[in-house]
PDB file of N, CA and C in Angstrom:
ATOM      1  N   MET A   1      -4.473  40.724  -9.928  1.00  0.00           N
ATOM      2  CA  MET A   1      -5.474  41.712 -10.275  1.00  0.00           C
ATOM      3  C   MET A   1      -5.792  42.441  -9.189  1.00  0.00           C
ATOM      4  N   VAL A   2      -6.175  43.520  -9.139  1.00  0.00           N
ATOM      5  CA  VAL A   2      -6.496  44.660  -8.048  1.00  0.00           C
ATOM      6  C   VAL A   2      -7.777  44.229  -7.519  1.00  0.00           C
ATOM      7  N   GLN A   3      -8.264  44.122  -6.356  1.00  0.00           N
ATOM      8  CA  GLN A   3      -9.966  43.977  -6.061  1.00  0.00           C
ATOM      9  C   GLN A   3     -10.256  45.143  -5.326  1.00  0.00           C
ATOM     10  N   PRO A   4     -10.807  46.017  -5.744  1.00  0.00           N
ATOM     11  CA  PRO A   4     -11.475  47.280  -5.129  1.00  0.00           C
ATOM     12  C   PRO A   4     -11.945  47.260  -3.894  1.00  0.00           C
ATOM     13  N   SER A   5     -12.657  46.008  -3.733  1.00  0.00           N
ATOM     14  CA  SER A   5     -13.541  45.821  -2.296  1.00  0.00           C
ATOM     15  C   SER A   5     -12.534  45.426  -1.152  1.00  0.00           C
ATOM     16  N   LYS A   6     -11.152  45.251  -1.627  1.00  0.00           N
ATOM     17  CA  LYS A   6     -10.406  45.195  -0.553  1.00  0.00           C
ATOM     18  C   LYS A   6      -9.853  46.476   0.144  1.00  0.00           C
ATOM     19  N   TYR A   7     -10.096  47.610  -0.247  1.00  0.00           N
ATOM     20  CA  TYR A   7      -9.890  48.968  -0.034  1.00  0.00           C
ATOM     21  C   TYR A   7     -10.706  49.635   0.702  1.00  0.00           C
ATOM     22  N   ILE A   8     -10.338  50.441   1.927  1.00  0.00           N
ATOM     23  CA  ILE A   8     -11.659  51.281   2.353  1.00  0.00           C
ATOM     24  C   ILE A   8     -10.967  52.782   2.855  1.00  0.00           C
ATOM     25  N   VAL A   9     -11.904  53.445   3.176  1.00  0.00           N
ATOM     26  CA  VAL A   9     -11.758  54.758   3.466  1.00  0.00           C
ATOM     27  C   VAL A   9     -12.060  54.956   4.920  1.00  0.00           C
ATOM     28  N   ILE A  10     -11.411  55.165   5.921  1.00  0.00           N
ATOM     29  CA  ILE A  10     -11.851  55.111   7.477  1.00  0.00           C
ATOM     30  C   ILE A  10     -11.942  56.642   7.646  1.00  0.00           C
ATOM     31  N   TYR A  11     -13.173  57.273   7.963  1.00  0.00           N
ATOM     32  CA  TYR A  11     -13.172  58.493   8.460  1.00  0.00           C
ATOM     33  C   TYR A  11     -13.332  58.622  10.112  1.00  0.00           C
ATOM     34  N   THR A  12     -12.735  59.958  10.449  1.00  0.00           N
ATOM     35  CA  THR A  12     -12.772  60.269  11.660  1.00  0.00           C
ATOM     36  C   THR A  12     -12.358  61.690  11.777  1.00  0.00           C
ATOM     37  N   THR A  13     -12.727  62.530  12.998  1.00  0.00           N
ATOM     38  CA  THR A  13     -12.355  63.693  13.299  1.00  0.00           C
ATOM     39  C   THR A  13     -11.435  63.951  14.506  1.00  0.00           C
ATOM     40  N   PHE A  14     -11.139  65.260  14.314  1.00  0.00           N
ATOM     41  CA  PHE A  14      -9.768  65.814  15.765  1.00  0.00           C
ATOM     42  C   PHE A  14     -10.347  66.942  16.093  1.00  0.00           C
ATOM     43  N   PRO A  15      -9.802  67.382  17.393  1.00  0.00           N
ATOM     44  CA  PRO A  15     -10.107  68.711  17.523  1.00  0.00           C
ATOM     45  C   PRO A  15      -9.276  69.564  16.957  1.00  0.00           C
ATOM     46  N   ASP A  16      -7.902  69.259  16.235  1.00  0.00           N
ATOM     47  CA  ASP A  16      -7.340  70.398  15.761  1.00  0.00           C
ATOM     48  C   ASP A  16      -6.168  69.623  14.858  1.00  0.00           C
ATOM     49  N   GLN A  17      -5.613  70.372  13.923  1.00  0.00           N
ATOM     50  CA  GLN A  17      -5.238  69.875  12.871  1.00  0.00           C
ATOM     51  C   GLN A  17      -3.594  69.352  13.411  1.00  0.00           C
ATOM     52  N   LYS A  18      -3.101  69.522  14.106  1.00  0.00           N
ATOM     53  CA  LYS A  18      -1.974  69.135  14.559  1.00  0.00           C
ATOM     54  C   LYS A  18      -1.645  67.599  14.856  1.00  0.00           C
ATOM     55  N   ILE A  19      -2.851  67.267  15.994  1.00  0.00           N
ATOM     56  CA  ILE A  19      -3.393  66.111  16.339  1.00  0.00           C
ATOM     57  C   ILE A  19      -3.430  65.120  15.127  1.00  0.00           C
ATOM     58  N   ALA A  20      -4.101  65.772  14.343  1.00  0.00           N
ATOM     59  CA  ALA A  20      -4.732  65.096  12.983  1.00  0.00           C
ATOM     60  C   ALA A  20      -3.323  64.789  12.220  1.00  0.00           C
ATOM     61  N   LYS A  21      -2.551  65.451  12.022  1.00  0.00           N
ATOM     62  CA  LYS A  21      -1.227  65.387  11.420  1.00  0.00           C
ATOM     63  C   LYS A  21      -0.271  64.189  12.168  1.00  0.00           C
ATOM     64  N   ASP A  22      -0.243  64.693  13.390  1.00  0.00           N
ATOM     65  CA  ASP A  22       0.560  63.343  14.094  1.00  0.00           C
ATOM     66  C   ASP A  22       0.154  61.884  14.130  1.00  0.00           C
ATOM     67  N   LEU A  23      -1.207  61.980  14.329  1.00  0.00           N
ATOM     68  CA  LEU A  23      -1.753  60.463  14.054  1.00  0.00           C
ATOM     69  C   LEU A  23      -1.782  59.961  12.831  1.00  0.00           C
ATOM     70  N   ILE A  24      -1.908  60.663  11.846  1.00  0.00           N
ATOM     71  CA  ILE A  24      -1.951  60.163  10.692  1.00  0.00           C
ATOM     72  C   ILE A  24      -0.531  59.790   9.888  1.00  0.00           C
ATOM     73  N   ASN A  25       0.433  60.722  10.423  1.00  0.00           N
ATOM     74  CA  ASN A  25       2.064  60.241  10.228  1.00  0.00           C
ATOM     75  C   ASN A  25       2.292  59.156  10.820  1.00  0.00           C
ATOM     76  N   ARG A  26       1.908  58.826  11.971  1.00  0.00           N
ATOM     77  CA  ARG A  26       2.142  57.681  12.753  1.00  0.00           C
ATOM     78  C   ARG A  26       1.688  56.515  12.209  1.00  0.00           C
ATOM     79  N   LEU A  27       0.278  56.581  11.866  1.00  0.00           N
ATOM     80  CA  LEU A  27      -0.360  55.328  11.000  1.00  0.00           C
ATOM     81  C   LEU A  27       0.338  55.020   9.589  1.00  0.00           C
ATOM     82  N   ILE A  28       0.862  56.410   9.111  1.00  0.00           N
ATOM     83  CA  ILE A  28       1.728  55.927   7.868  1.00  0.00           C
ATOM     84  C   ILE A  28       2.974  55.099   7.979  1.00  0.00           C
ATOM     85  N   ASP A  29       3.734  55.828   9.172  1.00  0.00           N
ATOM     86  CA  ASP A  29       5.267  55.395   9.326  1.00  0.00           C
ATOM     87  C   ASP A  29       5.052  54.012   9.901  1.00  0.00           C
ATOM     88  N   MET A  30       3.647  53.285  10.509  1.00  0.00           N
ATOM     89  CA  MET A  30       3.426  51.767  10.824  1.00  0.00           C
ATOM     90  C   MET A  30       2.845  51.049   9.346  1.00  0.00           C
ATOM     91  N   LYS A  31       2.903  51.872   8.552  1.00  0.00           N
ATOM     92  CA  LYS A  31       2.276  51.077   7.148  1.00  0.00           C
ATOM     93  C   LYS A  31       0.536  50.586   7.322  1.00  0.00           C
ATOM     94  N   LEU A  32       0.117  51.298   8.164  1.00  0.00           N
ATOM     95  CA  LEU A  32      -1.340  51.030   8.197  1.00  0.00           C
ATOM     96  C   LEU A  32      -2.161  51.593   7.509  1.00  0.00           C
ATOM     97  N   ALA A  33      -1.981  53.004   6.910  1.00  0.00           N
ATOM     98  CA  ALA A  33      -2.198  53.872   6.015  1.00  0.00           C
ATOM     99  C   ALA A  33      -1.356  54.045   4.707  1.00  0.00           C
ATOM    100  N   ALA A  34      -1.903  54.318   3.807  1.00  0.00           N
ATOM    101  CA  ALA A  34      -1.361  54.717   2.458  1.00  0.00           C
ATOM    102  C   ALA A  34      -1.116  56.353   2.607  1.00  0.00           C
ATOM    103  N   CYS A  35      -2.385  56.988   2.960  1.00  0.00           N
ATOM    104  CA  CYS A  35      -2.914  58.368   2.816  1.00  0.00           C
ATOM    105  C   CYS A  35      -3.681  59.001   3.943  1.00  0.00           C
ATOM    106  N   GLY A  36      -3.567  59.900   4.252  1.00  0.00           N
ATOM    107  CA  GLY A  36      -4.587  60.699   4.970  1.00  0.00           C
ATOM    108  C   GLY A  36      -5.032  62.002   4.498  1.00  0.00           C
ATOM    109  N   ASN A  37      -5.950  62.436   4.476  1.00  0.00           N
ATOM    110  CA  ASN A  37      -6.663  63.735   4.016  1.00  0.00           C
ATOM    111  C   ASN A  37      -6.798  64.229   5.042  1.00  0.00           C
ATOM    112  N   ILE A  38      -6.713  65.610   5.032  1.00  0.00           N
ATOM    113  CA  ILE A  38      -7.209  66.404   6.475  1.00  0.00           C
ATOM    114  C   ILE A  38      -7.691  67.547   6.001  1.00  0.00           C
ATOM    115  N   PHE A  39      -9.126  67.750   6.497  1.00  0.00           N
ATOM    116  CA  PHE A  39      -9.673  69.064   5.954  1.00  0.00           C
ATOM    117  C   PHE A  39     -10.732  69.910   7.117  1.00  0.00           C
ATOM    118  N   GLU A  40     -10.771  70.931   7.253  1.00  0.00           N
ATOM    119  CA  GLU A  40     -11.464  71.663   8.285  1.00  0.00           C
ATOM    120  C   GLU A  40     -12.947  71.656   8.173  1.00  0.00           C
ATOM    121  N   LEU A  41     -13.786  71.337   9.114  1.00  0.00           N
ATOM    122  CA  LEU A  41     -15.388  71.389   9.130  1.00  0.00           C
ATOM    123  C   LEU A  41     -15.770  72.065  10.135  1.00  0.00           C
ATOM    124  N   ILE A  42     -17.166  71.945  10.340  1.00  0.00           N
ATOM    125  CA  ILE A  42     -18.010  72.280  11.562  1.00  0.00           C
ATOM    126  C   ILE A  42     -18.818  71.243  11.863  1.00  0.00           C
ATOM    127  N   SER A  43     -19.016  70.857  13.068  1.00  0.00           N
ATOM    128  CA  SER A  43     -19.734  69.512  13.122  1.00  0.00           C
ATOM    129  C   SER A  43     -20.855  70.091  14.437  1.00  0.00           C
ATOM    130  N   ILE A  44     -22.021  69.415  13.835  1.00  0.00           N
ATOM    131  CA  ILE A  44     -23.192  70.068  14.919  1.00  0.00           C
ATOM    132  C   ILE A  44     -23.534  68.729  15.544  1.00  0.00           C
ATOM    133  N   TYR A  45     -23.604  68.275  16.732  1.00  0.00           N
ATOM    134  CA  TYR A  45     -24.244  67.004  17.200  1.00  0.00           C
ATOM    135  C   TYR A  45     -24.856  67.355  18.454  1.00  0.00           C
ATOM    136  N   ARG A  46     -25.294  66.445  19.271  1.00  0.00           N
ATOM    137  CA  ARG A  46     -25.949  66.417  20.606  1.00  0.00           C
ATOM    138  C   ARG A  46     -25.020  65.572  21.341  1.00  0.00           C
ATOM    139  N   TRP A  47     -24.061  65.956  22.581  1.00  0.00           N
ATOM    140  CA  TRP A  47     -23.526  65.483  23.418  1.00  0.00           C
ATOM    141  C   TRP A  47     -23.910  65.847  24.687  1.00  0.00           C
ATOM    142  N   GLN A  48     -24.286  64.533  25.449  1.00  0.00           N
ATOM    143  CA  GLN A  48     -24.711  64.834  27.078  1.00  0.00           C
ATOM    144  C   GLN A  48     -25.676  65.626  27.074  1.00  0.00           C
ATOM    145  N   GLY A  49     -27.026  65.305  26.131  1.00  0.00           N
ATOM    146  CA  GLY A  49     -28.177  66.151  26.302  1.00  0.00           C
ATOM    147  C   GLY A  49     -28.123  67.723  25.910  1.00  0.00           C
ATOM    148  N   LYS A  50     -26.725  68.071  25.100  1.00  0.00           N
ATOM    149  CA  LYS A  50     -26.605  69.384  24.726  1.00  0.00           C
ATOM    150  C   LYS A  50     -26.399  69.445  23.190  1.00  0.00           C
ATOM    151  N   VAL A  51     -26.827  70.330  22.434  1.00  0.00           N
ATOM    152  CA  VAL A  51     -26.448  70.539  21.216  1.00  0.00           C
ATOM    153  C   VAL A  51     -25.155  71.324  21.117  1.00  0.00           C
ATOM    154  N   GLU A  52     -24.068  70.575  20.644  1.00  0.00           N
ATOM    155  CA  GLU A  52     -22.941  71.301  20.648  1.00  0.00           C
ATOM    156  C   GLU A  52     -22.782  71.844  18.732  1.00  0.00           C
ATOM    157  N   GLU A  53     -21.887  72.797  18.704  1.00  0.00           N
ATOM    158  CA  GLU A  53     -21.238  73.039  17.498  1.00  0.00           C
ATOM    159  C   GLU A  53     -19.644  73.451  17.642  1.00  0.00           C
ATOM    160  N   THR A  54     -18.934  72.485  16.731  1.00  0.00           N
ATOM    161  CA  THR A  54     -17.590  72.555  16.998  1.00  0.00           C
ATOM    162  C   THR A  54     -16.673  72.538  15.521  1.00  0.00           C
ATOM    163  N   GLN A  55     -15.635  73.544  15.642  1.00  0.00           N
ATOM    164  CA  GLN A  55     -14.701  73.377  14.430  1.00  0.00           C
ATOM    165  C   GLN A  55     -13.983  72.068  14.973  1.00  0.00           C
ATOM    166  N   GLU A  56     -13.615  71.561  13.572  1.00  0.00           N
ATOM    167  CA  GLU A  56     -12.831  70.232  13.731  1.00  0.00           C
ATOM    168  C   GLU A  56     -12.236  69.796  12.672  1.00  0.00           C
ATOM    169  N   TYR A  57     -11.586  69.054  12.549  1.00  0.00           N
ATOM    170  CA  TYR A  57     -10.818  68.555  11.340  1.00  0.00           C
ATOM    171  C   TYR A  57     -10.890  67.259  10.954  1.00  0.00           C
ATOM    172  N   GLY A  58     -11.443  67.035  10.056  1.00  0.00           N
ATOM    173  CA  GLY A  58     -12.274  65.467   9.223  1.00  0.00           C
ATOM    174  C   GLY A  58     -10.851  64.942   8.764  1.00  0.00           C
ATOM    175  N   VAL A  59     -10.537  63.874   8.822  1.00  0.00           N
ATOM    176  CA  VAL A  59      -9.668  63.027   8.081  1.00  0.00           C
ATOM    177  C   VAL A  59     -10.161  61.758   7.475  1.00  0.00           C
ATOM    178  N   PHE A  60      -9.856  61.577   5.784  1.00  0.00           N
ATOM    179  CA  PHE A  60     -10.277  60.374   5.515  1.00  0.00           C
ATOM    180  C   PHE A  60      -8.759  59.685   5.359  1.00  0.00           C
ATOM    181  N   ILE A  61      -8.636  58.196   5.646  1.00  0.00           N
ATOM    182  CA  ILE A  61      -7.660  57.375   5.761  1.00  0.00           C
ATOM    183  C   ILE A  61      -7.958  56.652   4.876  1.00  0.00           C
ATOM    184  N   LYS A  62      -6.881  56.284   3.778  1.00  0.00           N
ATOM    185  CA  LYS A  62      -6.961  55.177   2.867  1.00  0.00           C
ATOM    186  C   LYS A  62      -5.965  53.691   3.441  1.00  0.00           C
ATOM    187  N   THR A  63      -6.617  52.864   3.161  1.00  0.00           N
ATOM    188  CA  THR A  63      -5.883  51.686   3.717  1.00  0.00           C
ATOM    189  C   THR A  63      -6.797  50.207   3.137  1.00  0.00           C
ATOM    190  N   LYS A  64      -6.057  49.277   3.507  1.00  0.00           N
ATOM    191  CA  LYS A  64      -6.784  48.060   3.108  1.00  0.00           C
ATOM    192  C   LYS A  64      -7.715  47.584   4.392  1.00  0.00           C
ATOM    193  N   GLU A  65      -8.644  46.837   3.722  1.00  0.00           N
ATOM    194  CA  GLU A  65     -10.007  46.396   4.574  1.00  0.00           C
ATOM    195  C   GLU A  65      -9.102  45.704   5.963  1.00  0.00           C
ATOM    196  N   GLU A  66      -8.401  45.037   5.715  1.00  0.00           N
ATOM    197  CA  GLU A  66      -7.708  44.002   6.847  1.00  0.00           C
ATOM    198  C   GLU A  66      -7.020  44.733   7.586  1.00  0.00           C
ATOM    199  N   ASN A  67      -6.332  45.982   7.259  1.00  0.00           N
ATOM    200  CA  ASN A  67      -6.085  46.808   8.519  1.00  0.00           C
ATOM    201  C   ASN A  67      -6.958  47.812   9.342  1.00  0.00           C
ATOM    202  N   TYR A  68      -8.196  47.465   8.928  1.00  0.00           N
ATOM    203  CA  TYR A  68      -9.241  48.442  10.066  1.00  0.00           C
ATOM    204  C   TYR A  68      -8.957  47.831  11.309  1.00  0.00           C
ATOM    205  N   GLY A  69      -8.999  46.913  11.699  1.00  0.00           N
ATOM    206  CA  GLY A  69      -9.292  46.561  13.446  1.00  0.00           C
ATOM    207  C   GLY A  69      -7.871  47.152  14.126  1.00  0.00           C
ATOM    208  N   LYS A  70      -6.791  47.357  13.448  1.00  0.00           N
ATOM    209  CA  LYS A  70      -5.486  47.658  14.086  1.00  0.00           C
ATOM    210  C   LYS A  70      -5.715  49.304  13.830  1.00  0.00           C
ATOM    211  N   VAL A  71      -6.439  50.027  12.645  1.00  0.00           N
ATOM    212  CA  VAL A  71      -6.228  51.346  12.625  1.00  0.00           C
ATOM    213  C   VAL A  71      -7.216  51.842  13.624  1.00  0.00           C
ATOM    214  N   GLU A  72      -8.315  51.104  13.688  1.00  0.00           N
ATOM    215  CA  GLU A  72      -9.320  51.507  14.469  1.00  0.00           C
ATOM    216  C   GLU A  72      -8.710  51.124  16.493  1.00  0.00           C
ATOM    217  N   ASP A  73      -8.023  50.219  16.445  1.00  0.00           N
ATOM    218  CA  ASP A  73      -7.398  50.254  17.670  1.00  0.00           C
ATOM    219  C   ASP A  73      -6.413  51.304  18.156  1.00  0.00           C
ATOM    220  N   TYR A  74      -5.643  51.593  17.106  1.00  0.00           N
ATOM    221  CA  TYR A  74      -4.730  52.688  16.996  1.00  0.00           C
ATOM    222  C   TYR A  74      -5.077  54.341  17.613  1.00  0.00           C
ATOM    223  N   LEU A  75      -6.559  54.393  16.744  1.00  0.00           N
ATOM    224  CA  LEU A  75      -7.050  55.594  16.873  1.00  0.00           C
ATOM    225  C   LEU A  75      -7.824  55.790  18.234  1.00  0.00           C
ATOM    226  N   ILE A  76      -8.346  54.677  18.732  1.00  0.00           N
ATOM    227  CA  ILE A  76      -9.216  54.703  19.997  1.00  0.00           C
ATOM    228  C   ILE A  76      -8.267  54.761  21.292  1.00  0.00           C
ATOM    229  N   ASN A  77      -7.024  54.381  21.248  1.00  0.00           N
ATOM    230  CA  ASN A  77      -5.799  54.199  22.176  1.00  0.00           C
ATOM    231  C   ASN A  77      -5.156  55.884  22.274  1.00  0.00           C
ATOM    232  N   SER A  78      -5.322  56.290  20.884  1.00  0.00           N
ATOM    233  CA  SER A  78      -4.674  57.624  20.778  1.00  0.00           C
ATOM    234  C   SER A  78      -5.635  59.161  20.780  1.00  0.00           C
ATOM    235  N   HIS A  79      -6.770  58.516  20.580  1.00  0.00           N
ATOM    236  CA  HIS A  79      -7.676  59.465  20.040  1.00  0.00           C
ATOM    237  C   HIS A  79      -7.692  60.416  21.318  1.00  0.00           C
ATOM    238  N   PRO A  80      -7.953  62.100  21.573  1.00  0.00           N
ATOM    239  CA  PRO A  80      -8.476  62.740  22.658  1.00  0.00           C
ATOM    240  C   PRO A  80      -9.896  62.590  23.012  1.00  0.00           C
ATOM    241  N   TYR A  81     -10.467  62.325  21.998  1.00  0.00           N
ATOM    242  CA  TYR A  81     -12.060  62.226  22.276  1.00  0.00           C
ATOM    243  C   TYR A  81     -12.453  61.127  23.296  1.00  0.00           C
ATOM    244  N   GLU A  82     -13.534  61.366  23.984  1.00  0.00           N
ATOM    245  CA  GLU A  82     -13.980  60.248  25.038  1.00  0.00           C
ATOM    246  C   GLU A  82     -14.643  59.245  24.106  1.00  0.00           C
ATOM    247  N   VAL A  83     -15.568  59.352  23.088  1.00  0.00           N
ATOM    248  CA  VAL A  83     -16.060  58.737  22.202  1.00  0.00           C
ATOM    249  C   VAL A  83     -15.926  58.923  20.620  1.00  0.00           C
ATOM    250  N   PRO A  84     -14.739  58.998  20.027  1.00  0.00           N
ATOM    251  CA  PRO A  84     -14.155  59.328  18.425  1.00  0.00           C
ATOM    252  C   PRO A  84     -15.165  58.772  17.330  1.00  0.00           C
ATOM    253  N   GLU A  85     -15.245  59.487  16.528  1.00  0.00           N
ATOM    254  CA  GLU A  85     -16.170  58.750  15.168  1.00  0.00           C
ATOM    255  C   GLU A  85     -14.927  58.278  14.548  1.00  0.00           C
ATOM    256  N   ILE A  86     -15.131  57.182  14.473  1.00  0.00           N
ATOM    257  CA  ILE A  86     -14.492  56.020  13.711  1.00  0.00           C
ATOM    258  C   ILE A  86     -15.371  55.242  12.792  1.00  0.00           C
ATOM    259  N   ILE A  87     -15.238  55.667  11.390  1.00  0.00           N
ATOM    260  CA  ILE A  87     -16.477  54.843  10.428  1.00  0.00           C
ATOM    261  C   ILE A  87     -15.589  54.304   9.152  1.00  0.00           C
ATOM    262  N   SER A  88     -16.035  53.823   8.407  1.00  0.00           N
ATOM    263  CA  SER A  88     -15.302  53.358   7.276  1.00  0.00           C
ATOM    264  C   SER A  88     -16.766  52.898   6.215  1.00  0.00           C
ATOM    265  N   TRP A  89     -15.883  53.050   5.038  1.00  0.00           N
ATOM    266  CA  TRP A  89     -16.660  52.202   4.116  1.00  0.00           C
ATOM    267  C   TRP A  89     -15.713  51.762   2.982  1.00  0.00           C
ATOM    268  N   ASN A  90     -16.436  50.691   2.176  1.00  0.00           N
ATOM    269  CA  ASN A  90     -15.559  50.412   1.337  1.00  0.00           C
ATOM    270  C   ASN A  90     -15.124  50.937  -0.093  1.00  0.00           C
ATOM    271  N   ILE A  91     -14.311  50.894  -0.551  1.00  0.00           N
ATOM    272  CA  ILE A  91     -14.114  51.735  -2.059  1.00  0.00           C
ATOM    273  C   ILE A  91     -14.468  50.713  -3.280  1.00  0.00           C
ATOM    274  N   GLU A  92     -15.492  51.183  -3.798  1.00  0.00           N
ATOM    275  CA  GLU A  92     -16.149  50.190  -4.674  1.00  0.00           C
ATOM    276  C   GLU A  92     -15.380  49.944  -5.844  1.00  0.00           C
ATOM    277  N   LYS A  93     -14.969  51.366  -6.503  1.00  0.00           N
ATOM    278  CA  LYS A  93     -14.341  51.684  -7.664  1.00  0.00           C
ATOM    279  C   LYS A  93     -13.437  52.275  -7.259  1.00  0.00           C
ATOM    280  N   GLY A  94     -12.106  52.250  -8.130  1.00  0.00           N
ATOM    281  CA  GLY A  94     -10.926  52.959  -8.127  1.00  0.00           C
ATOM    282  C   GLY A  94     -10.013  52.805  -9.421  1.00  0.00           C
ATOM    283  N   PHE A  95      -8.983  53.877  -9.404  1.00  0.00           N
ATOM    284  CA  PHE A  95      -8.081  53.730 -10.306  1.00  0.00           C
ATOM    285  C   PHE A  95      -7.020  52.650  -9.688  1.00  0.00           C
ATOM    286  N   LYS A  96      -6.806  51.754 -10.820  1.00  0.00           N
ATOM    287  CA  LYS A  96      -6.056  50.536 -10.396  1.00  0.00           C
ATOM    288  C   LYS A  96      -4.586  50.628  -9.848  1.00  0.00           C
ATOM    289  N   PRO A  97      -3.913  51.779 -10.711  1.00  0.00           N
ATOM    290  CA  PRO A  97      -2.590  51.855 -10.003  1.00  0.00           C
ATOM    291  C   PRO A  97      -2.575  52.528  -8.649  1.00  0.00           C
ATOM    292  N   TYR A  98      -3.913  53.418  -8.597  1.00  0.00           N
ATOM    293  CA  TYR A  98      -3.644  54.128  -7.308  1.00  0.00           C
ATOM    294  C   TYR A  98      -4.237  53.126  -5.818  1.00  0.00           C
ATOM    295  N   LEU A  99      -4.826  52.027  -6.414  1.00  0.00           N
ATOM    296  CA  LEU A  99      -5.377  51.129  -5.357  1.00  0.00           C
ATOM    297  C   LEU A  99      -4.336  50.006  -5.084  1.00  0.00           C
ATOM    298  N   GLN A 100      -3.292  49.719  -6.360  1.00  0.00           N
ATOM    299  CA  GLN A 100      -2.047  49.076  -5.927  1.00  0.00           C
ATOM    300  C   GLN A 100      -1.252  49.918  -5.333  1.00  0.00           C
ATOM    301  N   TRP A 101      -0.979  51.116  -5.381  1.00  0.00           N
ATOM    302  CA  TRP A 101      -0.063  51.951  -4.321  1.00  0.00           C
ATOM    303  C   TRP A 101      -0.421  52.092  -2.875  1.00  0.00           C
ATOM    304  N   ILE A 102      -1.879  51.711  -2.692  1.00  0.00           N
ATOM    305  CA  ILE A 102      -2.259  51.546  -1.338  1.00  0.00           C
ATOM    306  C   ILE A 102      -1.553  50.150  -1.181  1.00  0.00           C
ATOM    307  N   SER A 103      -1.807  49.163  -1.833  1.00  0.00           N
ATOM    308  CA  SER A 103      -1.649  48.051  -1.144  1.00  0.00           C
ATOM    309  C   SER A 103       0.146  48.000  -1.236  1.00  0.00           C
ATOM    310  N   GLU A 104       0.749  48.692  -1.842  1.00  0.00           N
ATOM    311  CA  GLU A 104       2.233  48.604  -1.754  1.00  0.00           C
ATOM    312  C   GLU A 104       2.555  49.571  -0.528  1.00  0.00           C
ATOM    313  N   GLU A 105       1.956  50.285  -0.216  1.00  0.00           N
ATOM    314  CA  GLU A 105       2.079  51.487   1.033  1.00  0.00           C
ATOM    315  C   GLU A 105       1.837  50.823   2.208  1.00  0.00           C
ATOM    316  N   THR A 106       0.833  49.965   2.297  1.00  0.00           N
ATOM    317  CA  THR A 106       0.583  49.140   3.444  1.00  0.00           C
ATOM    318  C   THR A 106       0.970  47.679   3.889  1.00  0.00           C
ATOM    319  N   ASN A 107       1.792  47.349   3.358  1.00  0.00           N
ATOM    320  CA  ASN A 107       2.053  45.986   3.442  1.00  0.00           C
ATOM    321  C   ASN A 107       3.252  46.009   4.541  1.00  0.00           C
TER     322      ASN A 107
END
């Protein structure tokens, strides 16, 4: 039986689409992620005392909860940002065949 709480989405942002694609492709090649969705966005935030507005690319990475540490380590070591946004949340419910596919692609 598929346990939805075993699956997570990891969210991060990148300064350009090529970097996002390269890192997601590498995570998929290493079987640490089943899928990555890349989308354009604008981030507004305070950095070093100044309010910034930046065009970025957000990424949703679908994987198993047990892979979080390895994905985080890879992102930290490969990410161009000094302090990258890397957060995750549990997938509480989902289409069981899709969740099973995540398991198959991340073994």
